[in-house]
Amino acid sequence: MRTAVADGGRRVSVHLTDQNWQALIVALSHQPGPAVADTRVLPELTSLGAVSCGTDTADDGRRVWAVLDL
């Protein structure tokens, strides 16, 4: 979430869903435009046990996501 907040937007959304004993967590910054690259976030998510994770930028802001086994 720290990465999404760093984009300088006024709000951050966090979405959570589960399927097949895994949880998908997505943080969205709602700040359009190119985001500052944070090379620390994906290794941090992996060290916390993320099975899969990633980040991308879309029209609605930066998305940072992680899939965790439940």
C-alpha atoms as a PDB file:
ATOM      1  CA  MET A   1       0.000   0.000   0.000  1.00  0.00           C
ATOM      2  CA  ARG A   2       2.925   2.344   0.691  1.00  0.00           C
ATOM      3  CA  THR A   3       3.748   2.270  -3.043  1.00  0.00           C
ATOM      4  CA  ALA A   4       0.227   3.328  -4.053  1.00  0.00           C
ATOM      5  CA  VAL A   5       0.174   6.106  -1.441  1.00  0.00           C
ATOM      6  CA  ALA A   6       3.525   7.410  -2.721  1.00  0.00           C
ATOM      7  CA  ASP A   7       1.830   8.332  -6.019  1.00  0.00           C
ATOM      8  CA  GLY A   8       0.382  11.395  -4.258  1.00  0.00           C
ATOM      9  CA  GLY A   9      -3.303  10.748  -4.865  1.00  0.00           C
ATOM     10  CA  ARG A  10      -6.020  11.725  -2.421  1.00  0.00           C
ATOM     11  CA  ARG A  11      -7.283   8.172  -1.979  1.00  0.00           C
ATOM     12  CA  VAL A  12      -6.218   4.546  -2.220  1.00  0.00           C
ATOM     13  CA  SER A  13      -8.551   1.597  -2.802  1.00  0.00           C
ATOM     14  CA  VAL A  14      -7.803  -1.876  -1.530  1.00  0.00           C
ATOM     15  CA  HIS A  15      -9.660  -4.812  -3.056  1.00  0.00           C
ATOM     16  CA  LEU A  16      -9.674  -8.339  -1.684  1.00  0.00           C
ATOM     17  CA  THR A  17     -11.066 -11.530  -3.201  1.00  0.00           C
ATOM     18  CA  ASP A  18     -10.556 -15.243  -2.671  1.00  0.00           C
ATOM     19  CA  GLN A  19     -10.704 -18.283  -4.913  1.00  0.00           C
ATOM     20  CA  ASN A  20      -9.366 -21.826  -4.639  1.00  0.00           C
ATOM     21  CA  TRP A  21      -7.733 -21.218  -1.238  1.00  0.00           C
ATOM     22  CA  GLN A  22      -5.863 -18.148  -2.469  1.00  0.00           C
ATOM     23  CA  ALA A  23      -6.422 -14.449  -1.765  1.00  0.00           C
ATOM     24  CA  LEU A  24      -5.902 -11.680  -4.318  1.00  0.00           C
ATOM     25  CA  ILE A  25      -5.122  -8.285  -2.801  1.00  0.00           C
ATOM     26  CA  VAL A  26      -5.018  -5.201  -5.055  1.00  0.00           C
ATOM     27  CA  ALA A  27      -4.110  -1.633  -4.039  1.00  0.00           C
ATOM     28  CA  LEU A  28      -5.048   1.117  -6.528  1.00  0.00           C
ATOM     29  CA  SER A  29      -3.646   4.655  -6.232  1.00  0.00           C
ATOM     30  CA  HIS A  30      -6.288   6.503  -8.341  1.00  0.00           C
ATOM     31  CA  GLN A  31      -3.498   8.841  -9.492  1.00  0.00           C
ATOM     32  CA  PRO A  32      -3.322   8.796 -13.315  1.00  0.00           C
ATOM     33  CA  GLY A  33      -0.072   9.244 -15.152  1.00  0.00           C
ATOM     34  CA  PRO A  34       3.263   7.500 -14.971  1.00  0.00           C
ATOM     35  CA  ALA A  35       4.162   6.211 -11.541  1.00  0.00           C
ATOM     36  CA  VAL A  36       7.573   6.418  -9.953  1.00  0.00           C
ATOM     37  CA  ALA A  37       9.227   2.999 -10.141  1.00  0.00           C
ATOM     38  CA  ASP A  38       9.701   1.310  -6.776  1.00  0.00           C
ATOM     39  CA  THR A  39      12.005  -1.672  -7.197  1.00  0.00           C
ATOM     40  CA  ARG A  40      11.584  -2.726  -3.545  1.00  0.00           C
ATOM     41  CA  VAL A  41       7.871  -3.525  -3.543  1.00  0.00           C
ATOM     42  CA  LEU A  42       7.850  -6.849  -5.440  1.00  0.00           C
ATOM     43  CA  PRO A  43      10.730  -8.441  -3.475  1.00  0.00           C
ATOM     44  CA  GLU A  44       9.009  -7.309  -0.259  1.00  0.00           C
ATOM     45  CA  LEU A  45       5.726  -8.938  -1.315  1.00  0.00           C
ATOM     46  CA  THR A  46       7.560 -12.142  -2.221  1.00  0.00           C
ATOM     47  CA  SER A  47       9.328 -12.189   1.148  1.00  0.00           C
ATOM     48  CA  LEU A  48       5.916 -11.896   2.846  1.00  0.00           C
ATOM     49  CA  GLY A  49       4.790 -15.090   1.108  1.00  0.00           C
ATOM     50  CA  ALA A  50       3.171 -13.875  -2.116  1.00  0.00           C
ATOM     51  CA  VAL A  51       2.792 -16.716  -4.602  1.00  0.00           C
ATOM     52  CA  SER A  52       2.543 -14.150  -7.393  1.00  0.00           C
ATOM     53  CA  CYS A  53       2.689 -10.345  -7.455  1.00  0.00           C
ATOM     54  CA  GLY A  54       3.026  -7.426  -9.810  1.00  0.00           C
ATOM     55  CA  THR A  55       2.506  -3.759 -10.469  1.00  0.00           C
ATOM     56  CA  ASP A  56       1.266  -1.818 -13.472  1.00  0.00           C
ATOM     57  CA  THR A  57      -0.064   1.606 -14.386  1.00  0.00           C
ATOM     58  CA  ALA A  58      -3.420   2.192 -16.064  1.00  0.00           C
ATOM     59  CA  ASP A  59      -5.717   5.157 -16.728  1.00  0.00           C
ATOM     60  CA  ASP A  60      -7.087   4.877 -13.190  1.00  0.00           C
ATOM     61  CA  GLY A  61      -3.667   4.824 -11.505  1.00  0.00           C
ATOM     62  CA  ARG A  62      -1.053   2.363 -10.305  1.00  0.00           C
ATOM     63  CA  ARG A  63      -2.141  -1.133  -9.334  1.00  0.00           C
ATOM     64  CA  VAL A  64      -0.068  -3.258  -6.995  1.00  0.00           C
ATOM     65  CA  TRP A  65      -1.323  -6.802  -6.535  1.00  0.00           C
ATOM     66  CA  ALA A  66      -0.366  -9.983  -4.725  1.00  0.00           C
ATOM     67  CA  VAL A  67      -1.755 -13.531  -4.581  1.00  0.00           C
ATOM     68  CA  LEU A  68      -1.339 -15.343  -1.265  1.00  0.00           C
ATOM     69  CA  ASP A  69      -2.129 -18.920  -0.280  1.00  0.00           C
ATOM     70  CA  LEU A  70      -4.680 -19.122   2.516  1.00  0.00           C
END
